[in-house]
N, C-alpha and C. Protein backbone atom coordinates (compact mmCIF):
# COMPACT_ATOMS: atom_id res chain seq x y z
N MET A 1 -3.91 -13.10 18.34
CA MET A 1 -2.56 -12.69 17.97
C MET A 1 -2.39 -12.83 16.45
N ILE A 2 -1.79 -11.87 15.85
CA ILE A 2 -1.57 -11.88 14.40
C ILE A 2 -0.37 -12.77 14.06
N SER A 3 -0.49 -13.50 12.97
CA SER A 3 0.61 -14.38 12.57
C SER A 3 1.79 -13.55 12.06
N ASP A 4 2.96 -14.14 12.11
CA ASP A 4 4.15 -13.45 11.62
C ASP A 4 4.03 -13.12 10.14
N ASP A 5 3.43 -14.03 9.36
CA ASP A 5 3.27 -13.79 7.92
C ASP A 5 2.41 -12.55 7.67
N LYS A 6 1.30 -12.43 8.39
CA LYS A 6 0.42 -11.27 8.21
C LYS A 6 1.10 -9.99 8.69
N ARG A 7 1.83 -10.08 9.78
CA ARG A 7 2.54 -8.90 10.30
C ARG A 7 3.58 -8.42 9.30
N LEU A 8 4.34 -9.36 8.74
CA LEU A 8 5.37 -9.00 7.76
C LEU A 8 4.75 -8.42 6.49
N LEU A 9 3.62 -8.96 6.08
CA LEU A 9 2.92 -8.43 4.92
C LEU A 9 2.50 -6.98 5.16
N ALA A 10 1.92 -6.72 6.32
CA ALA A 10 1.50 -5.36 6.66
C ALA A 10 2.70 -4.41 6.75
N GLU A 11 3.79 -4.87 7.32
CA GLU A 11 4.99 -4.04 7.42
C GLU A 11 5.52 -3.70 6.03
N ARG A 12 5.55 -4.67 5.14
CA ARG A 12 6.02 -4.42 3.77
C ARG A 12 5.09 -3.45 3.06
N TRP A 13 3.78 -3.60 3.26
CA TRP A 13 2.79 -2.74 2.62
C TRP A 13 3.07 -1.28 2.98
N PHE A 14 3.21 -1.01 4.26
CA PHE A 14 3.42 0.38 4.68
C PHE A 14 4.84 0.86 4.36
N SER A 15 5.82 0.00 4.54
CA SER A 15 7.20 0.40 4.30
C SER A 15 7.47 0.61 2.82
N GLU A 16 7.19 -0.40 2.01
CA GLU A 16 7.55 -0.34 0.60
C GLU A 16 6.55 0.46 -0.24
N TYR A 17 5.27 0.27 0.01
CA TYR A 17 4.26 0.96 -0.81
C TYR A 17 4.07 2.41 -0.38
N PHE A 18 3.66 2.60 0.86
CA PHE A 18 3.37 3.97 1.30
C PHE A 18 4.62 4.81 1.52
N THR A 19 5.58 4.31 2.25
CA THR A 19 6.73 5.12 2.62
C THR A 19 7.70 5.30 1.45
N GLU A 20 8.06 4.20 0.79
CA GLU A 20 9.04 4.28 -0.29
C GLU A 20 8.40 4.57 -1.64
N GLY A 21 7.10 4.35 -1.77
CA GLY A 21 6.42 4.58 -3.04
C GLY A 21 6.73 3.53 -4.09
N ASN A 22 7.09 2.32 -3.66
CA ASN A 22 7.38 1.23 -4.58
C ASN A 22 6.08 0.66 -5.11
N LEU A 23 5.70 1.06 -6.32
CA LEU A 23 4.42 0.65 -6.88
C LEU A 23 4.42 -0.79 -7.36
N ASP A 24 5.58 -1.36 -7.63
CA ASP A 24 5.67 -2.74 -8.09
C ASP A 24 5.24 -3.73 -7.02
N VAL A 25 5.32 -3.33 -5.77
CA VAL A 25 4.99 -4.24 -4.67
C VAL A 25 3.48 -4.54 -4.62
N ILE A 26 2.66 -3.71 -5.23
CA ILE A 26 1.21 -3.95 -5.27
C ILE A 26 0.91 -5.32 -5.88
N GLU A 27 1.54 -5.62 -7.01
CA GLU A 27 1.31 -6.90 -7.68
C GLU A 27 1.75 -8.07 -6.80
N GLU A 28 2.82 -7.87 -6.07
CA GLU A 28 3.37 -8.94 -5.24
C GLU A 28 2.55 -9.18 -3.97
N LEU A 29 2.05 -8.13 -3.36
CA LEU A 29 1.39 -8.24 -2.06
C LEU A 29 -0.12 -8.41 -2.13
N THR A 30 -0.71 -8.26 -3.31
CA THR A 30 -2.16 -8.40 -3.44
C THR A 30 -2.50 -9.53 -4.40
N SER A 31 -3.70 -10.05 -4.26
CA SER A 31 -4.19 -11.07 -5.17
C SER A 31 -4.99 -10.40 -6.28
N GLU A 32 -5.34 -11.17 -7.31
CA GLU A 32 -6.08 -10.62 -8.42
C GLU A 32 -7.47 -10.13 -8.01
N ASP A 33 -8.03 -10.71 -6.96
CA ASP A 33 -9.36 -10.29 -6.51
C ASP A 33 -9.29 -9.23 -5.40
N PHE A 34 -8.13 -8.61 -5.24
CA PHE A 34 -7.94 -7.52 -4.27
C PHE A 34 -8.94 -6.40 -4.54
N ILE A 35 -9.53 -5.86 -3.49
CA ILE A 35 -10.46 -4.74 -3.63
C ILE A 35 -9.93 -3.56 -2.85
N TYR A 36 -9.74 -2.47 -3.55
CA TYR A 36 -9.32 -1.19 -2.96
C TYR A 36 -10.58 -0.37 -2.74
N HIS A 37 -10.89 -0.07 -1.51
CA HIS A 37 -12.10 0.68 -1.18
C HIS A 37 -11.81 2.17 -1.26
N SER A 38 -11.99 2.72 -2.44
CA SER A 38 -11.70 4.13 -2.65
C SER A 38 -12.97 4.97 -2.59
N ARG A 39 -12.77 6.26 -2.52
CA ARG A 39 -13.90 7.17 -2.48
C ARG A 39 -14.58 7.32 -3.84
N ASN A 40 -13.84 7.12 -4.92
CA ASN A 40 -14.42 7.37 -6.24
C ASN A 40 -14.99 6.13 -6.90
N GLY A 41 -15.03 5.01 -6.20
CA GLY A 41 -15.63 3.80 -6.72
C GLY A 41 -14.68 2.89 -7.48
N GLU A 42 -13.49 3.37 -7.81
CA GLU A 42 -12.51 2.51 -8.46
C GLU A 42 -11.97 1.53 -7.43
N ASN A 43 -11.86 0.26 -7.78
CA ASN A 43 -11.46 -0.71 -6.76
C ASN A 43 -10.43 -1.73 -7.23
N SER A 44 -9.66 -1.41 -8.23
CA SER A 44 -8.67 -2.36 -8.75
C SER A 44 -7.27 -2.09 -8.20
N ARG A 45 -6.38 -3.04 -8.44
CA ARG A 45 -4.98 -2.81 -8.07
C ARG A 45 -4.43 -1.61 -8.83
N ARG A 46 -4.86 -1.47 -10.08
CA ARG A 46 -4.40 -0.33 -10.89
C ARG A 46 -4.80 0.99 -10.24
N SER A 47 -5.97 1.03 -9.63
CA SER A 47 -6.40 2.27 -8.98
C SER A 47 -5.54 2.59 -7.76
N MET A 48 -4.96 1.56 -7.11
CA MET A 48 -4.03 1.81 -6.01
C MET A 48 -2.75 2.46 -6.53
N VAL A 49 -2.27 2.01 -7.68
CA VAL A 49 -1.08 2.61 -8.29
C VAL A 49 -1.38 4.05 -8.67
N ASP A 50 -2.54 4.29 -9.27
CA ASP A 50 -2.93 5.65 -9.66
C ASP A 50 -3.03 6.55 -8.42
N PHE A 51 -3.58 6.01 -7.34
CA PHE A 51 -3.68 6.76 -6.09
C PHE A 51 -2.31 7.20 -5.61
N MET A 52 -1.35 6.27 -5.59
CA MET A 52 -0.02 6.60 -5.09
C MET A 52 0.70 7.58 -6.02
N ASN A 53 0.45 7.48 -7.31
CA ASN A 53 1.06 8.43 -8.23
C ASN A 53 0.59 9.85 -7.98
N GLY A 54 -0.58 9.98 -7.39
CA GLY A 54 -1.12 11.31 -7.11
C GLY A 54 -0.73 11.88 -5.76
N ILE A 55 0.01 11.12 -4.95
CA ILE A 55 0.40 11.57 -3.62
C ILE A 55 1.78 12.21 -3.66
N ASP A 56 1.89 13.32 -3.03
CA ASP A 56 3.18 14.01 -2.91
C ASP A 56 4.15 13.14 -2.11
N PRO A 57 5.40 13.01 -2.57
CA PRO A 57 6.40 12.20 -1.85
C PRO A 57 6.57 12.61 -0.38
N PHE A 58 6.42 13.89 -0.07
CA PHE A 58 6.54 14.33 1.33
C PHE A 58 5.46 13.68 2.18
N PHE A 59 4.25 13.61 1.66
CA PHE A 59 3.16 13.01 2.40
C PHE A 59 3.45 11.54 2.72
N ARG A 60 4.07 10.81 1.77
CA ARG A 60 4.38 9.40 1.99
C ARG A 60 5.33 9.22 3.17
N THR A 61 6.19 10.17 3.43
CA THR A 61 7.15 10.02 4.53
C THR A 61 6.43 9.98 5.88
N ILE A 62 5.24 10.51 5.95
CA ILE A 62 4.48 10.50 7.20
C ILE A 62 4.24 9.06 7.66
N PHE A 63 3.98 8.16 6.71
CA PHE A 63 3.69 6.78 7.08
C PHE A 63 4.88 6.12 7.75
N GLY A 64 6.07 6.55 7.46
CA GLY A 64 7.25 6.00 8.10
C GLY A 64 7.26 6.23 9.61
N TYR A 65 6.63 7.30 10.06
CA TYR A 65 6.56 7.59 11.48
C TYR A 65 5.58 6.69 12.20
N TRP A 66 4.68 6.03 11.47
CA TRP A 66 3.67 5.17 12.09
C TRP A 66 4.18 3.77 12.32
N MET A 67 5.33 3.43 11.77
CA MET A 67 5.86 2.09 11.93
C MET A 67 6.34 1.91 13.38
N ILE A 68 6.15 0.73 13.88
CA ILE A 68 6.57 0.43 15.26
C ILE A 68 7.91 -0.23 15.25
């Protein structure tokens, strides 16, 4: 069973980062040694922000439908 802390973290990640596009939440929800497994080899928190900046806002709304 997943802990409430981990569940809330995951909910915030999808709600605030993916759905709302709140890029500031990356710093709050990840540690300095966070690794983003991207296709182009970039793996920093900054690359996650760059990734989201390149996504159309309409596409981000799709993640809202995946929330339970």
